[in-house]
Amino acid sequence: MVGGKSLSRSGLLRKQSEIVIAMMGTLPGAGVTYSVISLGTYLAHHCHYRVALVENNESMHFSYIKRAAGVIGAENYFSIGKMDFYERADEDIWLRLQRMPYDYILVDYGVYDGGKQSQYARCQYRFLIGSLCEWKREAYEEIIHKESTGIEMSFYLATLGQRYDIREYYREFGMRLYSTPCIYDPFLLVKEVIQFWRRFPI
């Protein structure tokens, strides 16, 4: 984390400005919203940072989460635990976020869209999330090839994939994939989750 591992874990020091992280998937259902919540849980509850989760797609997953949790909030804003959720972000929400003292803003972009390169470029870190199942990996490879003419990803996550597949990707593309832990609830802060997100120097 910025400021050194010991400082970020204690949460005693704050950064001068927020870090914006983009997360996007290779296909629908790749696990982007899950990963955004999981990383947010780690940053907010383990590292004690102020965290906002922003929905920048048309999925409406955040509204489903709000109803399932029985949370009462504003029309497009609610909180769960120490995390603030912003549903289907529009210009007003982005202006509001600029005035808020967040340490991290995690943006759920849904499925990767080549037309949003300028938006991705404004984020300090970019995660691409996808499955390495035989019938889904082609979508992952297509985006990797597109990166040669667009913005590069910072990290690559694989929701389903054997160690052999991950090694093959490294040999073929020279890129490291991280296999996400199989935890059914992204709001859970368990050892596997902490160890996983601790790997990333964000």
Protein backbone atom coordinates (compact mmCIF):
# COMPACT_ATOMS: atom_id res chain seq x y z
CA MET A 1 0.00 0.00 0.00
CA VAL A 2 1.05 3.62 -0.44
CA GLY A 3 3.09 4.82 2.49
CA GLY A 4 4.57 1.42 3.32
CA LYS A 5 3.03 -1.78 4.55
CA SER A 6 3.35 -1.04 8.24
CA LEU A 7 1.66 2.35 7.88
CA SER A 8 -1.17 1.15 5.65
CA ARG A 9 -2.06 -1.74 7.94
CA SER A 10 -2.17 0.45 11.03
CA GLY A 11 -4.26 3.10 9.32
CA LEU A 12 -2.52 5.79 11.41
CA LEU A 13 -1.44 7.88 8.44
CA ARG A 14 -3.60 9.12 5.56
CA LYS A 15 -2.57 9.81 2.00
CA GLN A 16 -2.61 13.30 0.53
CA SER A 17 -5.19 12.40 -2.13
CA GLU A 18 -7.48 9.53 -2.97
CA ILE A 19 -6.41 6.52 -4.99
CA VAL A 20 -8.88 5.59 -7.75
CA ILE A 21 -8.97 1.93 -8.77
CA ALA A 22 -10.83 0.62 -11.81
CA MET A 23 -12.15 -2.92 -11.96
CA MET A 24 -13.60 -4.44 -15.11
CA GLY A 25 -14.49 -7.90 -16.37
CA THR A 26 -13.87 -9.80 -19.56
CA LEU A 27 -17.51 -10.94 -19.74
CA PRO A 28 -20.74 -10.42 -17.77
CA GLY A 29 -20.65 -12.30 -14.49
CA ALA A 30 -16.85 -12.29 -14.27
CA GLY A 31 -16.93 -11.26 -10.61
CA VAL A 32 -16.24 -7.53 -10.84
CA THR A 33 -18.77 -6.42 -8.22
CA TYR A 34 -17.65 -9.25 -5.94
CA SER A 35 -14.00 -8.17 -6.29
CA VAL A 36 -14.80 -4.50 -5.72
CA ILE A 37 -16.59 -5.34 -2.47
CA SER A 38 -13.89 -7.76 -1.36
CA LEU A 39 -11.11 -5.22 -1.92
CA GLY A 40 -13.21 -2.51 -0.29
CA THR A 41 -13.77 -4.71 2.75
CA TYR A 42 -10.02 -5.30 3.04
CA LEU A 43 -9.14 -1.62 2.71
CA ALA A 44 -11.87 -0.37 5.04
CA HIS A 45 -11.89 -3.01 7.77
CA HIS A 46 -8.31 -4.29 7.76
CA CYS A 47 -6.34 -1.21 6.69
CA HIS A 48 -8.85 1.28 8.17
CA TYR A 49 -9.04 3.48 5.10
CA ARG A 50 -12.03 5.58 4.07
CA VAL A 51 -13.45 3.78 1.05
CA ALA A 52 -16.09 4.54 -1.59
CA LEU A 53 -17.45 1.94 -4.01
CA VAL A 54 -18.81 3.43 -7.22
CA GLU A 55 -21.03 1.63 -9.73
CA ASN A 56 -20.21 2.93 -13.21
CA ASN A 57 -22.26 0.51 -15.30
CA GLU A 58 -25.88 -0.44 -15.93
CA SER A 59 -26.00 -3.67 -13.92
CA MET A 60 -27.93 -2.32 -10.89
CA HIS A 61 -26.07 -4.78 -8.66
CA PHE A 62 -25.65 -2.16 -5.95
CA SER A 63 -29.41 -1.61 -5.71
CA TYR A 64 -29.89 -5.37 -5.29
CA ILE A 65 -27.25 -5.39 -2.55
CA LYS A 66 -28.99 -2.52 -0.77
CA ARG A 67 -32.33 -4.31 -0.79
CA ALA A 68 -30.82 -7.63 0.29
CA ALA A 69 -29.04 -5.94 3.20
CA GLY A 70 -32.18 -4.05 4.23
CA VAL A 71 -30.24 -0.80 4.16
CA ILE A 72 -32.03 2.53 4.25
CA GLY A 73 -30.19 5.25 2.37
CA ALA A 74 -30.53 8.04 -0.16
CA GLU A 75 -31.73 7.28 -3.69
CA ASN A 76 -28.25 6.51 -5.02
CA TYR A 77 -26.12 6.27 -1.88
CA PHE A 78 -25.92 3.91 1.10
CA SER A 79 -23.39 2.47 3.54
CA ILE A 80 -22.62 -1.05 4.69
CA GLY A 81 -20.08 -1.39 7.45
CA LYS A 82 -17.35 1.17 6.83
CA MET A 83 -17.91 1.35 3.09
CA ASP A 84 -19.99 3.88 1.15
CA PHE A 85 -21.78 2.66 -1.99
CA TYR A 86 -22.75 4.94 -4.87
CA GLU A 87 -25.24 3.44 -7.31
CA ARG A 88 -25.08 4.05 -11.07
CA ALA A 89 -22.81 7.07 -10.81
CA ASP A 90 -23.69 10.19 -12.76
CA GLU A 91 -21.98 13.57 -12.99
CA ASP A 92 -23.49 14.77 -9.69
CA ILE A 93 -22.09 11.76 -7.84
CA TRP A 94 -18.62 12.30 -9.29
CA LEU A 95 -18.73 15.95 -8.23
CA ARG A 96 -19.76 14.86 -4.75
CA LEU A 97 -16.92 12.36 -4.58
CA GLN A 98 -14.42 15.13 -5.31
CA ARG A 99 -15.54 16.87 -2.13
CA MET A 100 -15.44 13.79 0.08
CA PRO A 101 -12.33 12.79 2.10
CA TYR A 102 -11.93 9.26 0.76
CA ASP A 103 -8.62 7.43 0.71
CA TYR A 104 -9.73 4.95 -1.96
CA ILE A 105 -12.42 5.09 -4.64
CA LEU A 106 -13.11 1.69 -6.23
CA VAL A 107 -14.97 1.87 -9.52
CA ASP A 108 -17.05 -1.06 -10.78
CA TYR A 109 -16.97 -0.65 -14.57
CA GLY A 110 -18.72 -3.94 -15.31
CA VAL A 111 -17.61 -5.44 -18.62
CA TYR A 112 -14.50 -4.01 -20.29
CA ASP A 113 -15.41 -1.40 -22.91
CA GLY A 114 -12.78 -0.20 -25.37
CA GLY A 115 -14.68 3.07 -25.67
CA LYS A 116 -13.92 3.96 -22.04
CA GLN A 117 -10.14 4.14 -22.41
CA SER A 118 -10.04 7.75 -21.25
CA GLN A 119 -11.98 6.84 -18.09
CA TYR A 120 -9.69 3.92 -17.32
CA ALA A 121 -6.63 6.13 -17.87
CA ARG A 122 -7.75 8.48 -15.09
CA CYS A 123 -7.52 5.64 -12.56
CA GLN A 124 -4.19 4.99 -10.86
CA TYR A 125 -4.70 1.21 -10.94
CA ARG A 126 -6.72 -1.06 -13.23
CA PHE A 127 -7.76 -4.65 -12.55
CA LEU A 128 -8.98 -6.97 -15.32
CA ILE A 129 -11.04 -9.89 -14.01
CA GLY A 130 -12.03 -12.97 -15.96
CA SER A 131 -12.36 -16.71 -16.07
CA LEU A 132 -9.85 -19.09 -17.61
CA CYS A 133 -12.50 -21.71 -18.34
CA GLU A 134 -11.95 -23.09 -21.81
CA TRP A 135 -15.09 -21.48 -23.23
CA LYS A 136 -14.40 -18.06 -21.63
CA ARG A 137 -10.65 -17.56 -21.89
CA GLU A 138 -10.86 -16.25 -25.46
CA ALA A 139 -12.50 -13.07 -24.14
CA TYR A 140 -9.55 -12.60 -21.78
CA GLU A 141 -7.05 -13.02 -24.62
CA GLU A 142 -8.91 -10.59 -26.89
CA ILE A 143 -8.60 -7.82 -24.31
CA ILE A 144 -4.94 -8.59 -23.71
CA HIS A 145 -4.26 -8.17 -27.43
CA LYS A 146 -6.21 -4.89 -27.48
CA GLU A 147 -3.95 -3.48 -24.77
CA SER A 148 -1.18 -3.00 -27.31
CA THR A 149 -3.18 -0.06 -28.70
CA GLY A 150 -4.92 1.05 -25.50
CA ILE A 151 -4.43 1.56 -21.80
CA GLU A 152 -2.55 -1.17 -19.97
CA MET A 153 -3.93 -3.03 -17.00
CA SER A 154 -2.12 -2.96 -13.66
CA PHE A 155 -3.20 -6.40 -12.46
CA TYR A 156 -4.95 -9.48 -13.88
CA LEU A 157 -7.27 -11.66 -11.80
CA ALA A 158 -8.56 -15.13 -12.66
CA THR A 159 -11.77 -16.25 -10.99
CA LEU A 160 -11.57 -19.76 -12.40
CA GLY A 161 -8.35 -21.30 -13.60
CA GLN A 162 -5.93 -24.05 -12.78
CA ARG A 163 -2.28 -23.42 -11.94
CA TYR A 164 -1.37 -24.89 -15.33
CA ASP A 165 -3.52 -22.26 -17.10
CA ILE A 166 -1.94 -19.44 -15.11
CA ARG A 167 1.56 -20.68 -15.92
CA GLU A 168 0.65 -20.93 -19.61
CA TYR A 169 -0.55 -17.32 -19.65
CA TYR A 170 2.74 -16.23 -18.13
CA ARG A 171 4.70 -18.12 -20.77
CA GLU A 172 2.60 -16.86 -23.67
CA PHE A 173 1.90 -13.27 -22.66
CA GLY A 174 4.57 -12.56 -20.04
CA MET A 175 1.88 -11.51 -17.57
CA ARG A 176 1.11 -12.69 -14.07
CA LEU A 177 -2.41 -13.74 -13.19
CA TYR A 178 -3.64 -13.92 -9.62
CA SER A 179 -6.20 -16.59 -8.77
CA THR A 180 -8.93 -15.11 -6.56
CA PRO A 181 -9.81 -16.95 -3.34
CA CYS A 182 -13.07 -18.93 -3.32
CA ILE A 183 -14.93 -17.09 -0.56
CA TYR A 184 -18.70 -17.03 -1.05
CA ASP A 185 -19.29 -13.70 0.74
CA PRO A 186 -17.20 -10.68 -0.37
CA PHE A 187 -18.04 -8.90 2.90
CA LEU A 188 -16.13 -11.53 4.88
CA LEU A 189 -12.67 -10.52 6.06
CA VAL A 190 -10.92 -13.85 6.48
CA LYS A 191 -7.26 -14.80 6.32
CA GLU A 192 -7.39 -15.86 2.66
CA VAL A 193 -8.84 -12.47 1.67
CA ILE A 194 -6.26 -10.50 3.65
CA GLN A 195 -3.39 -12.52 2.22
CA PHE A 196 -4.72 -12.14 -1.30
CA TRP A 197 -5.17 -8.35 -1.39
CA ARG A 198 -1.97 -7.75 0.54
CA ARG A 199 -0.06 -8.87 -2.56
CA PHE A 200 -0.96 -5.77 -4.55
CA PRO A 201 1.11 -2.58 -4.11
CA ILE A 202 -1.78 -0.16 -4.36
